[in-house]
Amino acid sequence: FPVTILPRQKVDDRINAARVIIPRCWFDIDKCVRGLTSLRNYQKQWDAKNKIFSSLPKHDWASHGADAFGHLAQGVREDKQVPKNLPRRAISTYDIFNK
């Protein structure tokens, strides 16, 4: 496969790209435990001095997996050759956000 280096983009753009693509993803519950746990635990940095959340995400163990997924989401391009009868949204009883 050819490798494409994405241009540097804003953190918010990466997070939004992940939000857009995640409803269309299928996850193997057994093989993706660490990645799904990272996505669940990705959060904003708390600014104790001002008592508000920062606009930047907290850099911890969860940020690595969540950032990787966000970079994947930014690099995915729609394949115009996808058959029209495939579902556009993954159907699953597993909700990674526990809603």
PDB file of N, CA and C in Angstrom:
ATOM      1  N   PHE A   1       0.823  -1.182   0.000  1.00  0.00           N
ATOM      2  CA  PHE A   1       0.000   0.000   0.000  1.00  0.00           C
ATOM      3  C   PHE A   1       0.868   1.247   0.000  1.00  0.00           C
ATOM      4  N   PRO A   2       0.479   2.241  -0.761  1.00  0.00           N
ATOM      5  CA  PRO A   2       1.240   3.496  -0.719  1.00  0.00           C
ATOM      6  C   PRO A   2       0.980   4.230   0.600  1.00  0.00           C
ATOM      7  N   VAL A   3       1.998   4.884   1.100  1.00  0.00           N
ATOM      8  CA  VAL A   3       1.886   5.638   2.343  1.00  0.00           C
ATOM      9  C   VAL A   3       1.732   7.116   1.998  1.00  0.00           C
ATOM     10  N   THR A   4       0.761   7.750   2.627  1.00  0.00           N
ATOM     11  CA  THR A   4       0.532   9.175   2.426  1.00  0.00           C
ATOM     12  C   THR A   4       0.748   9.886   3.754  1.00  0.00           C
ATOM     13  N   ILE A   5       1.572  10.911   3.746  1.00  0.00           N
ATOM     14  CA  ILE A   5       1.791  11.720   4.937  1.00  0.00           C
ATOM     15  C   ILE A   5       0.785  12.865   4.910  1.00  0.00           C
ATOM     16  N   LEU A   6      -0.045  12.928   5.940  1.00  0.00           N
ATOM     17  CA  LEU A   6      -1.045  13.991   6.012  1.00  0.00           C
ATOM     18  C   LEU A   6      -0.397  15.293   6.462  1.00  0.00           C
ATOM     19  N   PRO A   7      -0.896  16.407   5.975  1.00  0.00           N
ATOM     20  CA  PRO A   7      -0.386  17.685   6.474  1.00  0.00           C
ATOM     21  C   PRO A   7      -0.812  17.878   7.931  1.00  0.00           C
ATOM     22  N   ARG A   8      -0.041  18.655   8.660  1.00  0.00           N
ATOM     23  CA  ARG A   8      -0.375  18.939  10.056  1.00  0.00           C
ATOM     24  C   ARG A   8      -1.707  19.688  10.094  1.00  0.00           C
ATOM     25  N   GLN A   9      -2.584  19.234  10.983  1.00  0.00           N
ATOM     26  CA  GLN A   9      -3.896  19.865  11.102  1.00  0.00           C
ATOM     27  C   GLN A   9      -4.199  20.143  12.561  1.00  0.00           C
ATOM     28  N   LYS A  10      -5.240  20.908  12.794  1.00  0.00           N
ATOM     29  CA  LYS A  10      -5.635  21.262  14.148  1.00  0.00           C
ATOM     30  C   LYS A  10      -6.164  20.043  14.898  1.00  0.00           C
ATOM     31  N   VAL A  11      -5.976  20.042  16.215  1.00  0.00           N
ATOM     32  CA  VAL A  11      -6.450  18.955  17.071  1.00  0.00           C
ATOM     33  C   VAL A  11      -7.969  18.816  16.930  1.00  0.00           C
ATOM     34  N   ASP A  12      -8.683  19.927  16.917  1.00  0.00           N
ATOM     35  CA  ASP A  12     -10.142  19.875  16.798  1.00  0.00           C
ATOM     36  C   ASP A  12     -10.579  19.225  15.487  1.00  0.00           C
ATOM     37  N   ASP A  13      -9.823  19.441  14.415  1.00  0.00           N
ATOM     38  CA  ASP A  13     -10.155  18.813  13.131  1.00  0.00           C
ATOM     39  C   ASP A  13     -10.005  17.306  13.214  1.00  0.00           C
ATOM     40  N   ARG A  14      -8.964  16.839  13.907  1.00  0.00           N
ATOM     41  CA  ARG A  14      -8.748  15.397  14.085  1.00  0.00           C
ATOM     42  C   ARG A  14      -9.875  14.789  14.918  1.00  0.00           C
ATOM     43  N   ILE A  15     -10.266  15.471  15.981  1.00  0.00           N
ATOM     44  CA  ILE A  15     -11.344  14.971  16.838  1.00  0.00           C
ATOM     45  C   ILE A  15     -12.663  14.927  16.070  1.00  0.00           C
ATOM     46  N   ASN A  16     -12.946  15.965  15.309  1.00  0.00           N
ATOM     47  CA  ASN A  16     -14.183  15.987  14.523  1.00  0.00           C
ATOM     48  C   ASN A  16     -14.183  14.920  13.434  1.00  0.00           C
ATOM     49  N   ALA A  17     -13.033  14.671  12.819  1.00  0.00           N
ATOM     50  CA  ALA A  17     -12.947  13.611  11.810  1.00  0.00           C
ATOM     51  C   ALA A  17     -13.268  12.258  12.442  1.00  0.00           C
ATOM     52  N   ALA A  18     -12.777  12.032  13.650  1.00  0.00           N
ATOM     53  CA  ALA A  18     -13.070  10.779  14.362  1.00  0.00           C
ATOM     54  C   ALA A  18     -14.553  10.675  14.686  1.00  0.00           C
ATOM     55  N   ARG A  19     -15.150  11.771  15.104  1.00  0.00           N
ATOM     56  CA  ARG A  19     -16.583  11.771  15.424  1.00  0.00           C
ATOM     57  C   ARG A  19     -17.430  11.456  14.196  1.00  0.00           C
ATOM     58  N   VAL A  20     -16.985  11.930  13.043  1.00  0.00           N
ATOM     59  CA  VAL A  20     -17.743  11.700  11.812  1.00  0.00           C
ATOM     60  C   VAL A  20     -17.664  10.236  11.383  1.00  0.00           C
ATOM     61  N   ILE A  21     -16.490   9.647  11.510  1.00  0.00           N
ATOM     62  CA  ILE A  21     -16.299   8.294  10.986  1.00  0.00           C
ATOM     63  C   ILE A  21     -16.700   7.190  11.963  1.00  0.00           C
ATOM     64  N   ILE A  22     -16.693   7.461  13.247  1.00  0.00           N
ATOM     65  CA  ILE A  22     -16.917   6.391  14.221  1.00  0.00           C
ATOM     66  C   ILE A  22     -18.276   5.699  14.084  1.00  0.00           C
ATOM     67  N   PRO A  23     -19.354   6.381  13.704  1.00  0.00           N
ATOM     68  CA  PRO A  23     -20.619   5.655  13.540  1.00  0.00           C
ATOM     69  C   PRO A  23     -20.596   4.651  12.394  1.00  0.00           C
ATOM     70  N   ARG A  24     -19.625   4.774  11.487  1.00  0.00           N
ATOM     71  CA  ARG A  24     -19.543   3.870  10.343  1.00  0.00           C
ATOM     72  C   ARG A  24     -18.526   2.758  10.541  1.00  0.00           C
ATOM     73  N   CYS A  25     -17.945   2.690  11.719  1.00  0.00           N
ATOM     74  CA  CYS A  25     -16.900   1.701  11.993  1.00  0.00           C
ATOM     75  C   CYS A  25     -17.460   0.464  12.674  1.00  0.00           C
ATOM     76  N   TRP A  26     -16.819  -0.649  12.400  1.00  0.00           N
ATOM     77  CA  TRP A  26     -17.123  -1.913  13.062  1.00  0.00           C
ATOM     78  C   TRP A  26     -15.895  -2.272  13.887  1.00  0.00           C
ATOM     79  N   PHE A  27     -16.097  -2.658  15.129  1.00  0.00           N
ATOM     80  CA  PHE A  27     -14.990  -3.012  16.008  1.00  0.00           C
ATOM     81  C   PHE A  27     -15.146  -4.446  16.488  1.00  0.00           C
ATOM     82  N   ASP A  28     -14.047  -5.192  16.470  1.00  0.00           N
ATOM     83  CA  ASP A  28     -14.016  -6.527  17.058  1.00  0.00           C
ATOM     84  C   ASP A  28     -13.855  -6.333  18.565  1.00  0.00           C
ATOM     85  N   ILE A  29     -14.867  -6.716  19.322  1.00  0.00           N
ATOM     86  CA  ILE A  29     -14.897  -6.445  20.750  1.00  0.00           C
ATOM     87  C   ILE A  29     -13.704  -7.057  21.488  1.00  0.00           C
ATOM     88  N   ASP A  30     -13.205  -8.181  21.023  1.00  0.00           N
ATOM     89  CA  ASP A  30     -12.086  -8.838  21.697  1.00  0.00           C
ATOM     90  C   ASP A  30     -10.739  -8.261  21.279  1.00  0.00           C
ATOM     91  N   LYS A  31     -10.569  -7.970  20.011  1.00  0.00           N
ATOM     92  CA  LYS A  31      -9.281  -7.501  19.512  1.00  0.00           C
ATOM     93  C   LYS A  31      -9.077  -5.998  19.683  1.00  0.00           C
ATOM     94  N   CYS A  32     -10.140  -5.268  19.939  1.00  0.00           N
ATOM     95  CA  CYS A  32     -10.052  -3.801  19.997  1.00  0.00           C
ATOM     96  C   CYS A  32     -10.267  -3.239  21.400  1.00  0.00           C
ATOM     97  N   VAL A  33     -10.135  -4.066  22.419  1.00  0.00           N
ATOM     98  CA  VAL A  33     -10.409  -3.618  23.785  1.00  0.00           C
ATOM     99  C   VAL A  33      -9.575  -2.400  24.160  1.00  0.00           C
ATOM    100  N   ARG A  34      -8.278  -2.437  23.908  1.00  0.00           N
ATOM    101  CA  ARG A  34      -7.414  -1.309  24.294  1.00  0.00           C
ATOM    102  C   ARG A  34      -7.754  -0.037  23.525  1.00  0.00           C
ATOM    103  N   GLY A  35      -8.007  -0.179  22.240  1.00  0.00           N
ATOM    104  CA  GLY A  35      -8.345   0.987  21.440  1.00  0.00           C
ATOM    105  C   GLY A  35      -9.671   1.597  21.848  1.00  0.00           C
ATOM    106  N   LEU A  36     -10.668   0.760  22.087  1.00  0.00           N
ATOM    107  CA  LEU A  36     -11.973   1.263  22.513  1.00  0.00           C
ATOM    108  C   LEU A  36     -11.887   1.901  23.894  1.00  0.00           C
ATOM    109  N   THR A  37     -11.076   1.325  24.773  1.00  0.00           N
ATOM    110  CA  THR A  37     -10.878   1.914  26.093  1.00  0.00           C
ATOM    111  C   THR A  37     -10.214   3.284  25.967  1.00  0.00           C
ATOM    112  N   SER A  38      -9.276   3.410  25.043  1.00  0.00           N
ATOM    113  CA  SER A  38      -8.640   4.712  24.799  1.00  0.00           C
ATOM    114  C   SER A  38      -9.663   5.740  24.332  1.00  0.00           C
ATOM    115  N   LEU A  39     -10.522   5.348  23.402  1.00  0.00           N
ATOM    116  CA  LEU A  39     -11.537   6.277  22.912  1.00  0.00           C
ATOM    117  C   LEU A  39     -12.491   6.701  24.024  1.00  0.00           C
ATOM    118  N   ARG A  40     -12.872   5.746  24.872  1.00  0.00           N
ATOM    119  CA  ARG A  40     -13.773   6.064  25.984  1.00  0.00           C
ATOM    120  C   ARG A  40     -13.147   7.020  26.990  1.00  0.00           C
ATOM    121  N   ASN A  41     -11.839   6.944  27.179  1.00  0.00           N
ATOM    122  CA  ASN A  41     -11.163   7.720  28.210  1.00  0.00           C
ATOM    123  C   ASN A  41     -10.470   8.977  27.696  1.00  0.00           C
ATOM    124  N   TYR A  42     -10.616   9.278  26.435  1.00  0.00           N
ATOM    125  CA  TYR A  42     -10.044  10.500  25.852  1.00  0.00           C
ATOM    126  C   TYR A  42     -10.822  11.682  26.398  1.00  0.00           C
ATOM    127  N   GLN A  43     -10.132  12.656  26.938  1.00  0.00           N
ATOM    128  CA  GLN A  43     -10.817  13.776  27.575  1.00  0.00           C
ATOM    129  C   GLN A  43     -10.008  15.065  27.473  1.00  0.00           C
ATOM    130  N   LYS A  44     -10.665  16.173  27.770  1.00  0.00           N
ATOM    131  CA  LYS A  44      -9.987  17.471  27.753  1.00  0.00           C
ATOM    132  C   LYS A  44      -9.172  17.656  29.028  1.00  0.00           C
ATOM    133  N   GLN A  45      -8.160  18.487  28.925  1.00  0.00           N
ATOM    134  CA  GLN A  45      -7.302  18.812  30.067  1.00  0.00           C
ATOM    135  C   GLN A  45      -8.051  19.760  31.006  1.00  0.00           C
ATOM    136  N   TRP A  46      -7.994  19.499  32.309  1.00  0.00           N
ATOM    137  CA  TRP A  46      -8.630  20.357  33.298  1.00  0.00           C
ATOM    138  C   TRP A  46      -7.653  21.444  33.729  1.00  0.00           C
ATOM    139  N   ASP A  47      -8.102  22.681  33.648  1.00  0.00           N
ATOM    140  CA  ASP A  47      -7.310  23.828  34.088  1.00  0.00           C
ATOM    141  C   ASP A  47      -7.767  24.176  35.498  1.00  0.00           C
ATOM    142  N   ALA A  48      -7.017  23.701  36.506  1.00  0.00           N
ATOM    143  CA  ALA A  48      -7.407  23.880  37.903  1.00  0.00           C
ATOM    144  C   ALA A  48      -7.378  25.346  38.318  1.00  0.00           C
ATOM    145  N   LYS A  49      -6.460  26.100  37.766  1.00  0.00           N
ATOM    146  CA  LYS A  49      -6.337  27.513  38.132  1.00  0.00           C
ATOM    147  C   LYS A  49      -7.593  28.297  37.747  1.00  0.00           C
ATOM    148  N   ASN A  50      -8.046  28.104  36.514  1.00  0.00           N
ATOM    149  CA  ASN A  50      -9.226  28.820  36.025  1.00  0.00           C
ATOM    150  C   ASN A  50     -10.525  28.036  36.207  1.00  0.00           C
ATOM    151  N   LYS A  51     -10.396  26.799  36.681  1.00  0.00           N
ATOM    152  CA  LYS A  51     -11.544  25.913  36.924  1.00  0.00           C
ATOM    153  C   LYS A  51     -12.429  25.733  35.690  1.00  0.00           C
ATOM    154  N   ILE A  52     -11.761  25.467  34.567  1.00  0.00           N
ATOM    155  CA  ILE A  52     -12.455  25.184  33.306  1.00  0.00           C
ATOM    156  C   ILE A  52     -11.667  24.108  32.553  1.00  0.00           C
ATOM    157  N   PHE A  53     -12.306  23.517  31.576  1.00  0.00           N
ATOM    158  CA  PHE A  53     -11.605  22.583  30.714  1.00  0.00           C
ATOM    159  C   PHE A  53     -10.865  23.354  29.639  1.00  0.00           C
ATOM    160  N   SER A  54      -9.651  22.935  29.353  1.00  0.00           N
ATOM    161  CA  SER A  54      -8.842  23.528  28.294  1.00  0.00           C
ATOM    162  C   SER A  54      -9.417  23.136  26.935  1.00  0.00           C
ATOM    163  N   SER A  55      -9.042  23.851  25.916  1.00  0.00           N
ATOM    164  CA  SER A  55      -9.463  23.477  24.565  1.00  0.00           C
ATOM    165  C   SER A  55      -8.640  22.302  24.031  1.00  0.00           C
ATOM    166  N   LEU A  56      -7.554  21.955  24.732  1.00  0.00           N
ATOM    167  CA  LEU A  56      -6.688  20.854  24.301  1.00  0.00           C
ATOM    168  C   LEU A  56      -7.009  19.574  25.066  1.00  0.00           C
ATOM    169  N   PRO A  57      -6.822  18.421  24.420  1.00  0.00           N
ATOM    170  CA  PRO A  57      -7.054  17.165  25.117  1.00  0.00           C
ATOM    171  C   PRO A  57      -5.962  16.878  26.148  1.00  0.00           C
ATOM    172  N   LYS A  58      -6.310  16.090  27.137  1.00  0.00           N
ATOM    173  CA  LYS A  58      -5.359  15.664  28.157  1.00  0.00           C
ATOM    174  C   LYS A  58      -4.391  14.674  27.523  1.00  0.00           C
ATOM    175  N   HIS A  59      -3.101  14.889  27.742  1.00  0.00           N
ATOM    176  CA  HIS A  59      -2.103  13.974  27.190  1.00  0.00           C
ATOM    177  C   HIS A  59      -1.794  12.905  28.238  1.00  0.00           C
ATOM    178  N   ASP A  60      -2.346  11.725  28.040  1.00  0.00           N
ATOM    179  CA  ASP A  60      -2.121  10.604  28.941  1.00  0.00           C
ATOM    180  C   ASP A  60      -2.162   9.316  28.126  1.00  0.00           C
ATOM    181  N   TRP A  61      -2.294   8.191  28.792  1.00  0.00           N
ATOM    182  CA  TRP A  61      -2.271   6.889  28.110  1.00  0.00           C
ATOM    183  C   TRP A  61      -3.378   6.776  27.068  1.00  0.00           C
ATOM    184  N   ALA A  62      -4.529   7.390  27.309  1.00  0.00           N
ATOM    185  CA  ALA A  62      -5.657   7.272  26.382  1.00  0.00           C
ATOM    186  C   ALA A  62      -5.460   8.107  25.122  1.00  0.00           C
ATOM    187  N   SER A  63      -4.668   9.160  25.217  1.00  0.00           N
ATOM    188  CA  SER A  63      -4.521  10.050  24.073  1.00  0.00           C
ATOM    189  C   SER A  63      -3.811   9.385  22.899  1.00  0.00           C
ATOM    190  N   HIS A  64      -2.929   8.435  23.156  1.00  0.00           N
ATOM    191  CA  HIS A  64      -2.190   7.799  22.061  1.00  0.00           C
ATOM    192  C   HIS A  64      -3.119   7.002  21.139  1.00  0.00           C
ATOM    193  N   GLY A  65      -3.957   6.148  21.720  1.00  0.00           N
ATOM    194  CA  GLY A  65      -4.891   5.369  20.908  1.00  0.00           C
ATOM    195  C   GLY A  65      -5.939   6.231  20.243  1.00  0.00           C
ATOM    196  N   ALA A  66      -6.452   7.219  20.977  1.00  0.00           N
ATOM    197  CA  ALA A  66      -7.474   8.101  20.425  1.00  0.00           C
ATOM    198  C   ALA A  66      -6.899   8.976  19.304  1.00  0.00           C
ATOM    199  N   ASP A  67      -5.667   9.459  19.490  1.00  0.00           N
ATOM    200  CA  ASP A  67      -5.024  10.246  18.432  1.00  0.00           C
ATOM    201  C   ASP A  67      -4.777   9.396  17.190  1.00  0.00           C
ATOM    202  N   ALA A  68      -4.381   8.161  17.389  1.00  0.00           N
ATOM    203  CA  ALA A  68      -4.160   7.265  16.250  1.00  0.00           C
ATOM    204  C   ALA A  68      -5.453   7.081  15.457  1.00  0.00           C
ATOM    205  N   PHE A  69      -6.563   6.884  16.164  1.00  0.00           N
ATOM    206  CA  PHE A  69      -7.847   6.738  15.487  1.00  0.00           C
ATOM    207  C   PHE A  69      -8.215   8.032  14.757  1.00  0.00           C
ATOM    208  N   GLY A  70      -7.942   9.173  15.384  1.00  0.00           N
ATOM    209  CA  GLY A  70      -8.222  10.462  14.754  1.00  0.00           C
ATOM    210  C   GLY A  70      -7.409  10.676  13.489  1.00  0.00           C
ATOM    211  N   HIS A  71      -6.142  10.269  13.508  1.00  0.00           N
ATOM    212  CA  HIS A  71      -5.306  10.378  12.307  1.00  0.00           C
ATOM    213  C   HIS A  71      -5.834   9.464  11.209  1.00  0.00           C
ATOM    214  N   LEU A  72      -6.265   8.274  11.583  1.00  0.00           N
ATOM    215  CA  LEU A  72      -6.876   7.364  10.608  1.00  0.00           C
ATOM    216  C   LEU A  72      -8.100   8.029   9.993  1.00  0.00           C
ATOM    217  N   ALA A  73      -8.935   8.620  10.832  1.00  0.00           N
ATOM    218  CA  ALA A  73     -10.167   9.253  10.350  1.00  0.00           C
ATOM    219  C   ALA A  73      -9.863  10.387   9.376  1.00  0.00           C
ATOM    220  N   GLN A  74      -8.789  11.122   9.611  1.00  0.00           N
ATOM    221  CA  GLN A  74      -8.427  12.208   8.702  1.00  0.00           C
ATOM    222  C   GLN A  74      -7.910  11.676   7.368  1.00  0.00           C
ATOM    223  N   GLY A  75      -7.323  10.501   7.382  1.00  0.00           N
ATOM    224  CA  GLY A  75      -6.738   9.957   6.167  1.00  0.00           C
ATOM    225  C   GLY A  75      -7.688   9.151   5.312  1.00  0.00           C
ATOM    226  N   VAL A  76      -8.834   8.789   5.845  1.00  0.00           N
ATOM    227  CA  VAL A  76      -9.793   7.967   5.106  1.00  0.00           C
ATOM    228  C   VAL A  76     -10.457   8.809   4.028  1.00  0.00           C
ATOM    229  N   ARG A  77     -10.512   8.261   2.863  1.00  0.00           N
ATOM    230  CA  ARG A  77     -11.182   8.920   1.744  1.00  0.00           C
ATOM    231  C   ARG A  77     -12.329   8.026   1.293  1.00  0.00           C
ATOM    232  N   GLU A  78     -13.397   8.651   0.874  1.00  0.00           N
ATOM    233  CA  GLU A  78     -14.523   7.878   0.373  1.00  0.00           C
ATOM    234  C   GLU A  78     -14.135   7.179  -0.923  1.00  0.00           C
ATOM    235  N   ASP A  79     -14.387   5.885  -1.002  1.00  0.00           N
ATOM    236  CA  ASP A  79     -14.131   5.129  -2.217  1.00  0.00           C
ATOM    237  C   ASP A  79     -15.392   5.177  -3.075  1.00  0.00           C
ATOM    238  N   LYS A  80     -15.292   5.773  -4.214  1.00  0.00           N
ATOM    239  CA  LYS A  80     -16.470   5.949  -5.065  1.00  0.00           C
ATOM    240  C   LYS A  80     -16.918   4.632  -5.692  1.00  0.00           C
ATOM    241  N   GLN A  81     -16.132   3.569  -5.554  1.00  0.00           N
ATOM    242  CA  GLN A  81     -16.483   2.279  -6.113  1.00  0.00           C
ATOM    243  C   GLN A  81     -17.214   1.372  -5.119  1.00  0.00           C
ATOM    244  N   VAL A  82     -17.543   1.864  -3.942  1.00  0.00           N
ATOM    245  CA  VAL A  82     -18.245   1.065  -2.942  1.00  0.00           C
ATOM    246  C   VAL A  82     -19.654   0.775  -3.439  1.00  0.00           C
ATOM    247  N   PRO A  83     -20.074  -0.493  -3.385  1.00  0.00           N
ATOM    248  CA  PRO A  83     -21.435  -0.813  -3.834  1.00  0.00           C
ATOM    249  C   PRO A  83     -22.476  -0.037  -3.040  1.00  0.00           C
ATOM    250  N   LYS A  84     -23.531   0.368  -3.716  1.00  0.00           N
ATOM    251  CA  LYS A  84     -24.557   1.202  -3.089  1.00  0.00           C
ATOM    252  C   LYS A  84     -25.385   0.446  -2.053  1.00  0.00           C
ATOM    253  N   ASN A  85     -25.405  -0.886  -2.096  1.00  0.00           N
ATOM    254  CA  ASN A  85     -26.253  -1.644  -1.181  1.00  0.00           C
ATOM    255  C   ASN A  85     -25.603  -1.901   0.183  1.00  0.00           C
ATOM    256  N   LEU A  86     -24.369  -1.453   0.395  1.00  0.00           N
ATOM    257  CA  LEU A  86     -23.741  -1.626   1.698  1.00  0.00           C
ATOM    258  C   LEU A  86     -24.306  -0.609   2.679  1.00  0.00           C
ATOM    259  N   PRO A  87     -24.474  -1.026   3.952  1.00  0.00           N
ATOM    260  CA  PRO A  87     -24.994  -0.068   4.931  1.00  0.00           C
ATOM    261  C   PRO A  87     -24.020   1.084   5.129  1.00  0.00           C
ATOM    262  N   ARG A  88     -24.531   2.289   5.274  1.00  0.00           N
ATOM    263  CA  ARG A  88     -23.694   3.464   5.486  1.00  0.00           C
ATOM    264  C   ARG A  88     -23.349   3.617   6.960  1.00  0.00           C
ATOM    265  N   ARG A  89     -24.083   2.954   7.828  1.00  0.00           N
ATOM    266  CA  ARG A  89     -23.837   3.045   9.261  1.00  0.00           C
ATOM    267  C   ARG A  89     -23.722   1.627   9.799  1.00  0.00           C
ATOM    268  N   ALA A  90     -22.721   1.394  10.603  1.00  0.00           N
ATOM    269  CA  ALA A  90     -22.528   0.075  11.191  1.00  0.00           C
ATOM    270  C   ALA A  90     -23.693  -0.241  12.118  1.00  0.00           C
ATOM    271  N   ILE A  91     -24.162  -1.470  12.050  1.00  0.00           N
ATOM    272  CA  ILE A  91     -25.242  -1.920  12.925  1.00  0.00           C
ATOM    273  C   ILE A  91     -24.612  -2.792  14.003  1.00  0.00           C
ATOM    274  N   SER A  92     -24.793  -2.392  15.242  1.00  0.00           N
ATOM    275  CA  SER A  92     -24.160  -3.107  16.330  1.00  0.00           C
ATOM    276  C   SER A  92     -24.945  -2.893  17.608  1.00  0.00           C
ATOM    277  N   THR A  93     -24.852  -3.846  18.509  1.00  0.00           N
ATOM    278  CA  THR A  93     -25.463  -3.668  19.826  1.00  0.00           C
ATOM    279  C   THR A  93     -24.442  -3.159  20.813  1.00  0.00           C
ATOM    280  N   TYR A  94     -23.199  -2.960  20.357  1.00  0.00           N
ATOM    281  CA  TYR A  94     -22.140  -2.488  21.220  1.00  0.00           C
ATOM    282  C   TYR A  94     -21.932  -1.006  21.009  1.00  0.00           C
ATOM    283  N   ASP A  95     -22.098  -0.221  22.062  1.00  0.00           N
ATOM    284  CA  ASP A  95     -21.933   1.229  21.986  1.00  0.00           C
ATOM    285  C   ASP A  95     -20.676   1.606  22.772  1.00  0.00           C
ATOM    286  N   ILE A  96     -19.650   2.130  22.096  1.00  0.00           N
ATOM    287  CA  ILE A  96     -18.404   2.417  22.778  1.00  0.00           C
ATOM    288  C   ILE A  96     -18.520   3.542  23.782  1.00  0.00           C
ATOM    289  N   PHE A  97     -19.584   4.337  23.666  1.00  0.00           N
ATOM    290  CA  PHE A  97     -19.739   5.452  24.595  1.00  0.00           C
ATOM    291  C   PHE A  97     -20.733   5.128  25.712  1.00  0.00           C
ATOM    292  N   ASN A  98     -21.222   3.891  25.747  1.00  0.00           N
ATOM    293  CA  ASN A  98     -22.132   3.424  26.788  1.00  0.00           C
ATOM    294  C   ASN A  98     -23.349   4.309  26.963  1.00  0.00           C
ATOM    295  N   LYS A  99     -23.934   4.722  25.858  1.00  0.00           N
ATOM    296  CA  LYS A  99     -25.151   5.562  25.931  1.00  0.00           C
ATOM    297  C   LYS A  99     -26.370   4.699  25.742  1.00  0.00           C
TER     298      LYS A  99
END
